[in-house]
Amino acid sequence: LVARVYESKAEFRSALQHEKEGYTIYKNQLGEHHEKTKESSEYLKYLTQQAVALQRTMNEIYKNGSNANIMPLKFTAPSMASILEQLNIINGILFIPLSQKDLENLKAEVQRRQQLQES
């Protein structure tokens, strides 16, 4: 989330630094093959590309001054799902996906406990 804030300000060096920290945490805690680790790795690649594009633009400006051909930078707006996920993490809300079988087992367990309480 911090990396995305820095990206929106075109501060790619800081964005990369924070995303690298996030990637390291995901990798150490969840492993290399976890969805979050892969997502972070892809975002690091994207940030690197943006940083390179910005540096090329700056070099073009220094080289050619006001005659520079400047390509606009592309900023990704996070999806609503991504924003909600980040807010949930910040607030300590975790969603655990359950399969249909898990739901049935949970219902059965709740019913069993209700029956035990009634008797």
Protein backbone atom coordinates (compact mmCIF):
# COMPACT_ATOMS: atom_id res chain seq x y z
CA LEU A 1 0.00 0.00 0.00
CA VAL A 2 2.85 2.38 0.83
CA ALA A 3 4.53 1.52 -2.48
CA ARG A 4 1.34 2.42 -4.36
CA VAL A 5 1.21 5.79 -2.63
CA TYR A 6 4.79 6.54 -3.67
CA GLU A 7 4.05 5.32 -7.21
CA SER A 8 1.13 7.75 -7.46
CA LYS A 9 3.57 10.55 -6.56
CA ALA A 10 6.05 9.27 -9.21
CA GLU A 11 8.57 8.55 -6.44
CA PHE A 12 9.60 5.23 -7.89
CA ARG A 13 12.77 4.80 -5.84
CA SER A 14 10.76 4.91 -2.60
CA ALA A 15 8.01 2.78 -4.12
CA LEU A 16 10.57 0.14 -5.10
CA GLN A 17 12.15 0.20 -1.65
CA HIS A 18 8.83 -0.37 0.11
CA GLU A 19 7.62 -3.02 -2.32
CA LYS A 20 10.94 -4.88 -1.96
CA GLU A 21 10.34 -4.97 1.79
CA GLY A 22 6.82 -6.29 1.20
CA TYR A 23 8.10 -8.90 -1.23
CA THR A 24 10.70 -10.10 1.27
CA ILE A 25 8.05 -10.46 3.96
CA TYR A 26 5.69 -12.35 1.64
CA LYS A 27 8.50 -14.61 0.45
CA ASN A 28 9.72 -15.42 3.97
CA GLN A 29 6.27 -15.85 5.52
CA LEU A 30 4.27 -17.37 2.66
CA GLY A 31 6.84 -18.83 0.27
CA GLU A 32 7.80 -18.05 -3.30
CA HIS A 33 4.78 -19.72 -4.88
CA HIS A 34 2.09 -17.92 -2.88
CA GLU A 35 -0.25 -15.60 -4.80
CA LYS A 36 0.77 -12.52 -2.77
CA THR A 37 4.48 -13.18 -3.34
CA LYS A 38 3.94 -13.54 -7.08
CA GLU A 39 1.76 -10.42 -7.15
CA SER A 40 4.45 -8.45 -5.34
CA SER A 41 7.11 -9.73 -7.73
CA GLU A 42 5.05 -8.59 -10.72
CA TYR A 43 4.51 -5.19 -9.13
CA LEU A 44 8.28 -4.86 -8.57
CA LYS A 45 8.85 -5.50 -12.28
CA TYR A 46 6.23 -2.90 -13.18
CA LEU A 47 7.75 -0.31 -10.81
CA THR A 48 11.19 -0.96 -12.28
CA GLN A 49 9.85 -0.38 -15.80
CA GLN A 50 8.21 2.86 -14.69
CA ALA A 51 11.40 4.05 -12.99
CA VAL A 52 13.40 3.34 -16.16
CA ALA A 53 10.82 5.18 -18.28
CA LEU A 54 10.96 8.19 -15.96
CA GLN A 55 14.76 8.24 -16.06
CA ARG A 56 14.74 8.08 -19.86
CA THR A 57 12.30 10.98 -19.93
CA MET A 58 14.49 13.00 -17.58
CA ASN A 59 17.57 12.23 -19.70
CA GLU A 60 15.67 13.36 -22.81
CA ILE A 61 14.74 16.63 -21.11
CA TYR A 62 18.32 17.26 -19.99
CA LYS A 63 19.61 16.44 -23.46
CA ASN A 64 17.09 18.32 -25.62
CA GLY A 65 15.57 20.87 -23.24
CA SER A 66 12.17 22.18 -24.28
CA ASN A 67 12.34 20.25 -27.57
CA ALA A 68 12.26 16.92 -25.74
CA ASN A 69 9.75 14.33 -26.89
CA ILE A 70 8.15 13.38 -23.57
CA MET A 71 6.00 10.27 -23.33
CA PRO A 72 3.42 10.40 -20.54
CA LEU A 73 3.98 8.06 -17.62
CA LYS A 74 1.39 5.39 -17.03
CA PHE A 75 -0.05 5.07 -13.55
CA THR A 76 -2.14 2.12 -12.55
CA ALA A 77 -5.16 2.83 -10.44
CA PRO A 78 -5.66 0.01 -7.97
CA SER A 79 -8.86 -1.97 -8.42
CA MET A 80 -11.66 -1.62 -5.90
CA ALA A 81 -11.05 -5.23 -4.86
CA SER A 82 -7.39 -4.43 -4.21
CA ILE A 83 -8.29 -1.34 -2.16
CA LEU A 84 -10.80 -3.27 -0.07
CA GLU A 85 -8.34 -6.09 0.46
CA GLN A 86 -5.68 -3.64 1.69
CA LEU A 87 -8.14 -1.90 4.01
CA ASN A 88 -9.24 -5.25 5.41
CA ILE A 89 -5.64 -6.24 6.08
CA ILE A 90 -4.92 -2.91 7.76
CA ASN A 91 -7.99 -3.34 9.95
CA GLY A 92 -7.23 -6.98 10.77
CA ILE A 93 -10.14 -8.44 8.80
CA LEU A 94 -9.28 -11.73 7.14
CA PHE A 95 -11.53 -13.60 4.74
CA ILE A 96 -11.05 -17.33 4.66
CA PRO A 97 -12.48 -18.93 1.53
CA LEU A 98 -14.50 -22.04 2.32
CA SER A 99 -15.45 -24.76 -0.09
CA GLN A 100 -19.01 -26.09 -0.26
CA LYS A 101 -17.86 -29.17 1.68
CA ASP A 102 -16.32 -26.95 4.39
CA LEU A 103 -19.60 -25.03 4.69
CA GLU A 104 -21.58 -28.25 5.01
CA ASN A 105 -19.20 -29.55 7.68
CA LEU A 106 -19.47 -26.25 9.55
CA LYS A 107 -23.28 -26.34 9.45
CA ALA A 108 -23.27 -29.93 10.68
CA GLU A 109 -20.94 -29.01 13.54
CA VAL A 110 -23.12 -26.06 14.56
CA GLN A 111 -26.22 -28.27 14.53
CA ARG A 112 -24.44 -30.94 16.56
CA ARG A 113 -23.41 -28.38 19.18
CA GLN A 114 -26.94 -26.95 19.34
CA GLN A 115 -28.32 -30.43 19.93
CA LEU A 116 -25.79 -31.03 22.71
CA GLN A 117 -26.77 -27.78 24.39
CA GLU A 118 -30.47 -28.60 24.18
CA SER A 119 -30.02 -32.01 25.78
